[in-house]
Structure formats: C-alpha cells, structure tokens
Protein backbone atom coordinates (compact mmCIF):
# COMPACT_ATOMS: atom_id res chain seq x y z
CA MET A 1 0.00 0.00 0.00
CA MET A 2 2.87 2.38 0.79
CA GLU A 3 4.21 1.96 -2.75
CA TYR A 4 0.98 3.36 -4.17
CA ILE A 5 1.11 6.39 -1.90
CA ILE A 6 4.73 7.05 -2.87
CA ALA A 7 3.82 6.72 -6.53
CA ILE A 8 0.91 9.15 -6.17
CA PHE A 9 3.10 11.80 -4.52
CA GLY A 10 5.77 11.23 -7.15
CA ILE A 11 3.21 11.80 -9.90
CA ILE A 12 2.03 14.98 -8.17
CA ALA A 13 5.62 16.27 -8.01
CA LEU A 14 6.17 15.46 -11.70
CA ILE A 15 2.93 17.18 -12.71
CA GLY A 16 4.06 20.29 -10.85
CA ALA A 17 7.50 20.17 -12.48
CA PHE A 18 6.05 19.80 -15.99
CA THR A 19 3.52 22.56 -15.34
CA THR A 20 6.30 24.87 -14.21
CA TYR A 21 8.39 24.02 -17.27
CA LEU A 22 5.66 24.31 -19.89
CA ARG A 23 3.73 27.41 -18.78
CA THR A 24 4.85 30.93 -19.69
CA SER A 25 2.74 32.98 -17.29
CA PRO A 26 4.44 33.78 -13.96
CA PHE A 27 1.20 32.98 -12.12
CA ASP A 28 0.99 29.53 -13.70
CA LYS A 29 4.65 28.86 -12.93
CA LEU A 30 4.14 29.67 -9.25
CA ILE A 31 1.12 27.41 -9.09
CA GLY A 32 3.24 24.65 -10.64
CA VAL A 33 5.96 25.19 -8.03
CA ALA A 34 3.35 24.96 -5.26
CA ILE A 35 2.01 21.68 -6.71
CA MET A 36 5.53 20.33 -7.00
CA THR A 37 6.26 21.28 -3.39
CA GLY A 38 3.10 19.50 -2.26
CA GLY A 39 4.38 16.35 -3.93
CA VAL A 40 7.91 16.63 -2.53
CA ILE A 41 7.13 17.33 1.14
CA PRO A 42 5.96 13.74 1.88
CA PHE A 43 9.31 12.40 0.64
CA VAL A 44 11.14 14.77 2.99
CA VAL A 45 8.97 13.59 5.89
CA ILE A 46 9.51 9.90 5.03
CA LYS A 47 13.28 10.45 5.22
CA GLY A 48 12.86 11.84 8.73
CA TYR A 49 13.59 15.51 8.09
CA LEU A 50 10.48 16.88 9.75
CA ASP A 51 12.14 20.20 10.55
CA VAL A 52 13.02 20.71 6.88
CA ALA A 53 9.44 19.88 5.89
CA ILE A 54 8.13 22.46 8.34
CA VAL A 55 10.46 25.12 6.93
CA ILE A 56 9.40 24.27 3.37
CA ALA A 57 5.74 24.41 4.36
CA LEU A 58 6.23 27.85 5.89
CA VAL A 59 8.55 29.40 3.30
CA VAL A 60 6.88 28.37 0.03
CA PRO A 61 3.47 30.02 0.60
CA VAL A 62 5.04 33.24 1.87
CA THR A 63 7.46 33.51 -1.04
CA THR A 64 4.65 32.65 -3.46
CA ILE A 65 2.61 35.58 -2.17
CA PHE A 66 5.57 37.95 -2.55
CA MET A 67 6.36 36.66 -6.05
CA LEU A 68 2.74 37.03 -7.18
CA GLN A 69 2.71 40.64 -5.97
CA ALA A 70 6.03 41.38 -7.69
CA SER A 71 4.93 39.83 -10.99
CA ARG A 72 1.59 41.69 -10.84
CA ARG A 73 3.46 45.01 -10.58
CA GLY A 74 5.63 44.06 -13.56
CA MET A 75 2.57 43.41 -15.73
CA ARG A 76 1.16 46.92 -15.32
C-alpha cells in the first residue's frame, strides 16, 4: 500500500514540475511550483527531516505571495 502512496506523490511532483516548465505565465509557474512542493514534502517527511518539511511548508506560501505581488506590478 505504501508503494501506491509514494507513486501518487511522485506523480504529483512530476505534474508540478512539468507545469512549471511548460507554462509561460508567472502565475501559472508559481502554481506549478506549489504543486511540486506538495508532492515533494511527503518524501522529505519519510526520510525523517520533519524540521526541513516544516520550513518548506512555511517558506513556500510566503514567497509565493511575494512573487505574485512582484509579478503583478511588472505586468502593469
């Protein structure tokens, strides 16, 4: 059963990576990075780096908000 869960999170991470690579809009790229992060965090937790997973979970949303605001200003 654990193999299926690992495969699902791996697919989520790959979908996020491909979305980030293929899209041209900065908003779409940031959404792809967030999806990829959601797929990678379980692998970090499985390896036992819970503190790193907490830092990733706190840093990615905050930086995403700042990057969305910066790219919105650049579009005007």
